[in-house]
Amino acid sequence: MVIKRKGMIMMIDGRFDIVMDSPMGPKKGQVIFQVDNNSLSGYLDILGFCNIIENGSVTGDRFTFSGDMKTAVDVVGYVIQGSVEGDILTAVSKTKKGNMTILGNRFIEQE
């Protein structure tokens, strides 16, 4: 999905380095988004586990997806809703353990 911001064209597609504010404190991870029309797929790598993103959706610069997040002691269902503005990702993960804020930056390879 292509979005336009301040004269620049940006895409939701790509890799983002993220920090999730979890009940165990801030946890670093990554998310990789792949957008096909309004469908979102990819991977959420957090808490030491890689979780597949399937059947997510995209509308403009906003996204949503749900699934089961693996942790060291449990599997927790979640719904994540957020947006990408330029290179900045902001989202909230809603779980039975409470809401967790997710902030991230687009990963840009250094040449």
C-alpha atoms as a PDB file:
ATOM      1  CA  MET A   1       0.000   0.000   0.000  1.00  0.00           C
ATOM      2  CA  VAL A   2       1.478   3.315  -1.080  1.00  0.00           C
ATOM      3  CA  ILE A   3       0.807   6.411   0.979  1.00  0.00           C
ATOM      4  CA  LYS A   4       1.741  10.014   0.296  1.00  0.00           C
ATOM      5  CA  ARG A   5       3.004  12.273   3.057  1.00  0.00           C
ATOM      6  CA  LYS A   6       4.409  15.799   2.751  1.00  0.00           C
ATOM      7  CA  GLY A   7       5.190  15.337  -0.928  1.00  0.00           C
ATOM      8  CA  MET A   8       6.919  11.976  -0.348  1.00  0.00           C
ATOM      9  CA  ILE A   9       5.596   8.577  -1.337  1.00  0.00           C
ATOM     10  CA  MET A  10       6.028   5.961   1.407  1.00  0.00           C
ATOM     11  CA  MET A  11       4.870   2.384   1.733  1.00  0.00           C
ATOM     12  CA  ILE A  12       3.582   0.384   4.662  1.00  0.00           C
ATOM     13  CA  ASP A  13       5.492  -2.592   3.227  1.00  0.00           C
ATOM     14  CA  GLY A  14       8.829  -3.225   4.890  1.00  0.00           C
ATOM     15  CA  ARG A  15      10.676  -4.041   8.076  1.00  0.00           C
ATOM     16  CA  PHE A  16      10.307  -2.043  11.268  1.00  0.00           C
ATOM     17  CA  ASP A  17      12.387  -2.276  14.434  1.00  0.00           C
ATOM     18  CA  ILE A  18       9.885  -2.032  17.284  1.00  0.00           C
ATOM     19  CA  VAL A  19       9.656  -1.688  21.060  1.00  0.00           C
ATOM     20  CA  MET A  20       6.586  -3.085  22.814  1.00  0.00           C
ATOM     21  CA  ASP A  21       5.722  -1.781  26.280  1.00  0.00           C
ATOM     22  CA  SER A  22       4.870  -5.150  27.880  1.00  0.00           C
ATOM     23  CA  PRO A  23       3.981  -6.048  31.487  1.00  0.00           C
ATOM     24  CA  MET A  24       7.593  -7.335  31.724  1.00  0.00           C
ATOM     25  CA  GLY A  25       8.983  -3.970  30.615  1.00  0.00           C
ATOM     26  CA  PRO A  26      10.009  -2.732  27.158  1.00  0.00           C
ATOM     27  CA  LYS A  27      10.703  -5.573  24.692  1.00  0.00           C
ATOM     28  CA  LYS A  28      12.514  -5.090  21.377  1.00  0.00           C
ATOM     29  CA  GLY A  29      11.488  -6.883  18.218  1.00  0.00           C
ATOM     30  CA  GLN A  30      10.759  -6.546  14.543  1.00  0.00           C
ATOM     31  CA  VAL A  31       7.740  -6.603  12.290  1.00  0.00           C
ATOM     32  CA  ILE A  32       7.794  -7.252   8.560  1.00  0.00           C
ATOM     33  CA  PHE A  33       4.757  -6.119   6.580  1.00  0.00           C
ATOM     34  CA  GLN A  34       3.806  -7.364   3.130  1.00  0.00           C
ATOM     35  CA  VAL A  35       0.792  -5.655   1.572  1.00  0.00           C
ATOM     36  CA  ASP A  36      -1.192  -6.938  -1.399  1.00  0.00           C
ATOM     37  CA  ASN A  37      -4.035  -4.531  -2.226  1.00  0.00           C
ATOM     38  CA  ASN A  38      -5.741  -4.203   1.192  1.00  0.00           C
ATOM     39  CA  SER A  39      -4.464  -7.517   2.619  1.00  0.00           C
ATOM     40  CA  LEU A  40      -1.662  -7.571   5.181  1.00  0.00           C
ATOM     41  CA  SER A  41       0.688 -10.473   5.896  1.00  0.00           C
ATOM     42  CA  GLY A  42       4.192 -10.853   7.289  1.00  0.00           C
ATOM     43  CA  TYR A  43       5.934 -11.631  10.572  1.00  0.00           C
ATOM     44  CA  LEU A  44       5.948 -10.277  14.118  1.00  0.00           C
ATOM     45  CA  ASP A  45       9.185 -11.227  15.878  1.00  0.00           C
ATOM     46  CA  ILE A  46       8.853 -10.348  19.583  1.00  0.00           C
ATOM     47  CA  LEU A  47       9.594 -11.948  22.964  1.00  0.00           C
ATOM     48  CA  GLY A  48      11.971 -14.394  21.267  1.00  0.00           C
ATOM     49  CA  PHE A  49       9.290 -15.914  19.019  1.00  0.00           C
ATOM     50  CA  CYS A  50       8.376 -15.333  15.377  1.00  0.00           C
ATOM     51  CA  ASN A  51       4.603 -15.017  14.879  1.00  0.00           C
ATOM     52  CA  ILE A  52       3.104 -15.188  11.385  1.00  0.00           C
ATOM     53  CA  ILE A  53       0.789 -12.350  10.348  1.00  0.00           C
ATOM     54  CA  GLU A  54      -2.080 -13.596   8.203  1.00  0.00           C
ATOM     55  CA  ASN A  55      -5.425 -12.121   7.214  1.00  0.00           C
ATOM     56  CA  GLY A  56      -4.546  -8.603   8.311  1.00  0.00           C
ATOM     57  CA  SER A  57      -5.986  -5.561   6.573  1.00  0.00           C
ATOM     58  CA  VAL A  58      -4.789  -2.145   5.447  1.00  0.00           C
ATOM     59  CA  THR A  59      -6.787   1.015   4.835  1.00  0.00           C
ATOM     60  CA  GLY A  60      -4.676   3.984   3.792  1.00  0.00           C
ATOM     61  CA  ASP A  61      -1.899   4.302   6.390  1.00  0.00           C
ATOM     62  CA  ARG A  62      -3.765   2.227   9.020  1.00  0.00           C
ATOM     63  CA  PHE A  63      -3.445  -1.517   9.619  1.00  0.00           C
ATOM     64  CA  THR A  64      -4.957  -4.219  11.800  1.00  0.00           C
ATOM     65  CA  PHE A  65      -4.177  -7.882  12.395  1.00  0.00           C
ATOM     66  CA  SER A  66      -4.797 -10.486  15.071  1.00  0.00           C
ATOM     67  CA  GLY A  67      -3.408 -13.799  16.178  1.00  0.00           C
ATOM     68  CA  ASP A  68      -1.799 -15.677  19.024  1.00  0.00           C
ATOM     69  CA  MET A  69       1.489 -14.368  20.407  1.00  0.00           C
ATOM     70  CA  LYS A  70       3.866 -16.985  21.765  1.00  0.00           C
ATOM     71  CA  THR A  71       5.638 -16.150  25.014  1.00  0.00           C
ATOM     72  CA  ALA A  72       7.968 -18.183  27.216  1.00  0.00           C
ATOM     73  CA  VAL A  73       5.092 -19.335  29.443  1.00  0.00           C
ATOM     74  CA  ASP A  74       1.864 -18.867  27.494  1.00  0.00           C
ATOM     75  CA  VAL A  75       0.138 -18.158  24.207  1.00  0.00           C
ATOM     76  CA  VAL A  76      -1.732 -14.854  24.301  1.00  0.00           C
ATOM     77  CA  GLY A  77      -4.395 -13.803  21.797  1.00  0.00           C
ATOM     78  CA  TYR A  78      -4.026 -10.267  20.476  1.00  0.00           C
ATOM     79  CA  VAL A  79      -5.494  -7.677  18.145  1.00  0.00           C
ATOM     80  CA  ILE A  80      -3.022  -5.062  16.908  1.00  0.00           C
ATOM     81  CA  GLN A  81      -4.194  -1.805  15.353  1.00  0.00           C
ATOM     82  CA  GLY A  82      -1.926   0.984  14.237  1.00  0.00           C
ATOM     83  CA  SER A  83      -0.572   3.205  11.521  1.00  0.00           C
ATOM     84  CA  VAL A  84       2.583   4.002   9.597  1.00  0.00           C
ATOM     85  CA  GLU A  85       3.382   7.640   8.937  1.00  0.00           C
ATOM     86  CA  GLY A  86       6.522   7.950   6.858  1.00  0.00           C
ATOM     87  CA  ASP A  87       9.090   5.803   8.658  1.00  0.00           C
ATOM     88  CA  ILE A  88       7.282   5.756  12.038  1.00  0.00           C
ATOM     89  CA  LEU A  89       5.014   2.918  13.205  1.00  0.00           C
ATOM     90  CA  THR A  90       2.643   3.379  16.140  1.00  0.00           C
ATOM     91  CA  ALA A  91       0.244   0.686  17.331  1.00  0.00           C
ATOM     92  CA  VAL A  92      -1.604  -0.807  20.284  1.00  0.00           C
ATOM     93  CA  SER A  93      -1.783  -4.536  20.994  1.00  0.00           C
ATOM     94  CA  LYS A  94      -4.963  -5.465  22.859  1.00  0.00           C
ATOM     95  CA  THR A  95      -4.614  -8.693  24.879  1.00  0.00           C
ATOM     96  CA  LYS A  96      -6.171 -10.411  27.900  1.00  0.00           C
ATOM     97  CA  LYS A  97      -3.087  -9.184  29.804  1.00  0.00           C
ATOM     98  CA  GLY A  98      -3.914  -5.560  28.931  1.00  0.00           C
ATOM     99  CA  ASN A  99      -3.072  -3.095  26.202  1.00  0.00           C
ATOM    100  CA  MET A 100       0.538  -2.707  25.081  1.00  0.00           C
ATOM    101  CA  THR A 101       1.884   0.242  23.102  1.00  0.00           C
ATOM    102  CA  ILE A 102       4.160  -0.545  20.156  1.00  0.00           C
ATOM    103  CA  LEU A 103       6.475   2.075  18.642  1.00  0.00           C
ATOM    104  CA  GLY A 104       8.828   1.488  15.750  1.00  0.00           C
ATOM    105  CA  ASN A 105      11.057   2.874  13.031  1.00  0.00           C
ATOM    106  CA  ARG A 106      11.426   1.621   9.489  1.00  0.00           C
ATOM    107  CA  PHE A 107      14.636  -0.390   9.052  1.00  0.00           C
ATOM    108  CA  ILE A 108      16.740   1.289   6.377  1.00  0.00           C
ATOM    109  CA  GLU A 109      19.820  -0.536   5.162  1.00  0.00           C
ATOM    110  CA  GLN A 110      22.977   1.540   5.206  1.00  0.00           C
ATOM    111  CA  GLU A 111      24.791   1.666   1.888  1.00  0.00           C
END
